[in-house]
Amino acid sequence: MQGLLVFGAIGYQTVFTLVHDGEGYLLGRDMRVRLEDEVLYIHHEDVPPFKKGGSVVRNSYFWALRSIAARSNRGKDWEYETEVWFALQRMLLSFMESGYLGLSETQLEFPIDTSEIPAILRSVSTWQSEG
């Protein structure tokens, strides 16, 4: 990755990240999540990939998120039980504040129809944009 541009604002608006991969800019998006029976699911397409020989920060982020997941199978949504939400929030804030990862890689995006974002996750979350 050669460059990183972030557009938008933290809060209740979706923030998009443009990442330059050497050939062109790719549009990033927040990590889509859903809540079911007090389990947080991160969409499998939005979890960070592990890349052999890849960025140390991105691979560390992958292993850190995976280490507290109840389930993290390839090609399936990753599951986080309520007992680790505080750790998840601290981890996301830490990687967000490091400046090495874009906001879209560290922010949880809840569907509009979610009744309420859990208080412990609000500082690292946003709502899906309509449309």
Protein backbone atom coordinates (compact mmCIF):
# COMPACT_ATOMS: atom_id res chain seq x y z
CA MET A 1 0.00 0.00 0.00
CA GLN A 2 1.51 3.29 -1.03
CA GLY A 3 -0.94 5.83 0.33
CA LEU A 4 -4.03 6.32 2.43
CA LEU A 5 -6.71 8.99 2.24
CA VAL A 6 -9.63 9.14 4.67
CA PHE A 7 -12.86 11.02 3.92
CA GLY A 8 -15.74 11.67 6.30
CA ALA A 9 -16.17 12.19 10.01
CA ILE A 10 -16.26 10.00 13.08
CA GLY A 11 -19.70 9.63 14.57
CA TYR A 12 -22.89 8.52 12.95
CA GLN A 13 -21.77 8.87 9.35
CA THR A 14 -20.04 6.18 7.38
CA VAL A 15 -16.42 7.00 6.69
CA PHE A 16 -14.85 5.75 3.51
CA THR A 17 -11.15 5.18 3.02
CA LEU A 18 -9.32 5.23 -0.27
CA VAL A 19 -6.26 3.00 -0.19
CA HIS A 20 -3.67 3.18 -2.95
CA ASP A 21 -2.44 -0.29 -3.81
CA GLY A 22 0.20 0.77 -6.36
CA GLU A 23 -2.16 0.43 -9.30
CA GLY A 24 -5.08 2.58 -8.23
CA TYR A 25 -7.30 3.58 -5.34
CA LEU A 26 -9.58 1.03 -3.69
CA LEU A 27 -12.64 2.12 -1.76
CA GLY A 28 -12.66 0.71 1.77
CA ARG A 29 -15.70 0.45 4.02
CA ASP A 30 -16.34 0.07 7.71
CA MET A 31 -16.52 -3.42 9.20
CA ARG A 32 -20.14 -4.49 8.84
CA VAL A 33 -21.50 -6.07 12.00
CA ARG A 34 -24.73 -7.47 13.35
CA LEU A 35 -25.97 -8.48 16.80
CA GLU A 36 -27.75 -11.77 17.44
CA ASP A 37 -28.44 -13.15 20.92
CA GLU A 38 -25.77 -10.90 22.47
CA VAL A 39 -23.12 -12.08 20.04
CA LEU A 40 -21.45 -9.54 17.75
CA TYR A 41 -20.74 -10.85 14.24
CA ILE A 42 -18.20 -9.13 11.97
CA HIS A 43 -18.93 -9.80 8.30
CA HIS A 44 -16.37 -12.25 6.93
CA GLU A 45 -15.53 -10.00 3.96
CA ASP A 46 -14.61 -7.16 6.33
CA VAL A 47 -12.28 -8.92 8.78
CA PRO A 48 -8.61 -8.13 8.19
CA PRO A 49 -6.83 -10.67 6.01
CA PHE A 50 -3.60 -12.35 7.06
CA LYS A 51 -0.95 -12.06 4.37
CA LYS A 52 2.29 -14.01 4.61
CA GLY A 53 5.05 -11.43 4.20
CA GLY A 54 2.47 -8.64 4.54
CA SER A 55 2.40 -5.59 6.78
CA VAL A 56 3.41 -6.35 10.37
CA VAL A 57 0.72 -3.99 11.68
CA ARG A 58 -2.06 -5.51 9.58
CA ASN A 59 -1.02 -9.07 10.44
CA SER A 60 -0.80 -8.15 14.14
CA TYR A 61 -4.30 -6.67 13.88
CA PHE A 62 -5.55 -9.91 12.30
CA TRP A 63 -4.07 -12.04 15.11
CA ALA A 64 -5.24 -9.66 17.86
CA LEU A 65 -8.84 -9.71 16.60
CA ARG A 66 -8.73 -13.44 16.06
CA SER A 67 -7.34 -14.09 19.55
CA ILE A 68 -10.48 -12.79 21.29
CA ALA A 69 -13.05 -14.12 18.81
CA ALA A 70 -15.26 -16.97 19.93
CA ARG A 71 -15.21 -18.21 16.32
CA SER A 72 -13.07 -17.01 13.42
CA ASN A 73 -13.35 -19.55 10.65
CA ARG A 74 -12.24 -18.68 7.13
CA GLY A 75 -15.13 -17.55 4.95
CA LYS A 76 -17.50 -17.19 7.92
CA ASP A 77 -18.45 -14.20 10.06
CA TRP A 78 -16.27 -13.77 13.15
CA GLU A 79 -18.11 -13.99 16.48
CA TYR A 80 -17.48 -11.95 19.63
CA GLU A 81 -19.34 -12.68 22.86
CA THR A 82 -20.21 -9.91 25.35
CA GLU A 83 -17.36 -10.94 27.68
CA VAL A 84 -14.78 -9.64 25.19
CA TRP A 85 -16.52 -6.48 23.96
CA PHE A 86 -14.48 -4.27 26.28
CA ALA A 87 -11.25 -5.83 24.97
CA LEU A 88 -12.53 -5.47 21.39
CA GLN A 89 -13.31 -1.79 21.96
CA ARG A 90 -9.86 -1.13 23.47
CA MET A 91 -8.15 -3.02 20.66
CA LEU A 92 -10.05 -1.13 17.93
CA LEU A 93 -9.30 2.23 19.60
CA SER A 94 -5.63 1.36 19.94
CA PHE A 95 -5.22 0.39 16.29
CA MET A 96 -7.38 3.37 15.22
CA GLU A 97 -5.23 5.83 17.17
CA SER A 98 -1.97 4.29 15.91
CA GLY A 99 -2.44 5.94 12.54
CA TYR A 100 -1.29 2.83 10.68
CA LEU A 101 -4.79 1.61 9.80
CA GLY A 102 -7.63 3.50 8.20
CA LEU A 103 -10.80 4.32 10.07
CA SER A 104 -12.76 1.94 7.85
CA GLU A 105 -10.58 -0.93 9.04
CA THR A 106 -11.19 -0.21 12.71
CA GLN A 107 -14.79 1.03 12.86
CA LEU A 108 -17.84 -1.19 13.35
CA GLU A 109 -20.82 -0.46 11.10
CA PHE A 110 -24.21 -1.43 12.54
CA PRO A 111 -27.33 -1.85 10.38
CA ILE A 112 -29.87 0.98 10.60
CA ASP A 113 -32.46 -1.44 12.00
CA THR A 114 -30.31 -2.20 15.07
CA SER A 115 -32.29 -0.83 18.00
CA GLU A 116 -29.21 0.45 19.84
CA ILE A 117 -25.44 0.18 19.58
CA PRO A 118 -24.14 -1.34 22.84
CA ALA A 119 -22.68 1.41 25.05
CA ILE A 120 -19.25 -0.25 25.32
CA LEU A 121 -18.91 -0.26 21.49
CA ARG A 122 -20.27 3.24 20.68
CA SER A 123 -16.86 4.92 20.56
CA VAL A 124 -15.74 2.57 17.76
CA SER A 125 -19.04 2.30 15.88
CA THR A 126 -21.26 3.99 13.36
CA TRP A 127 -24.58 3.29 11.61
CA GLN A 128 -24.80 2.05 8.03
CA SER A 129 -25.62 4.84 5.64
CA GLU A 130 -29.00 4.63 3.98
CA GLY A 131 -28.99 3.58 0.35
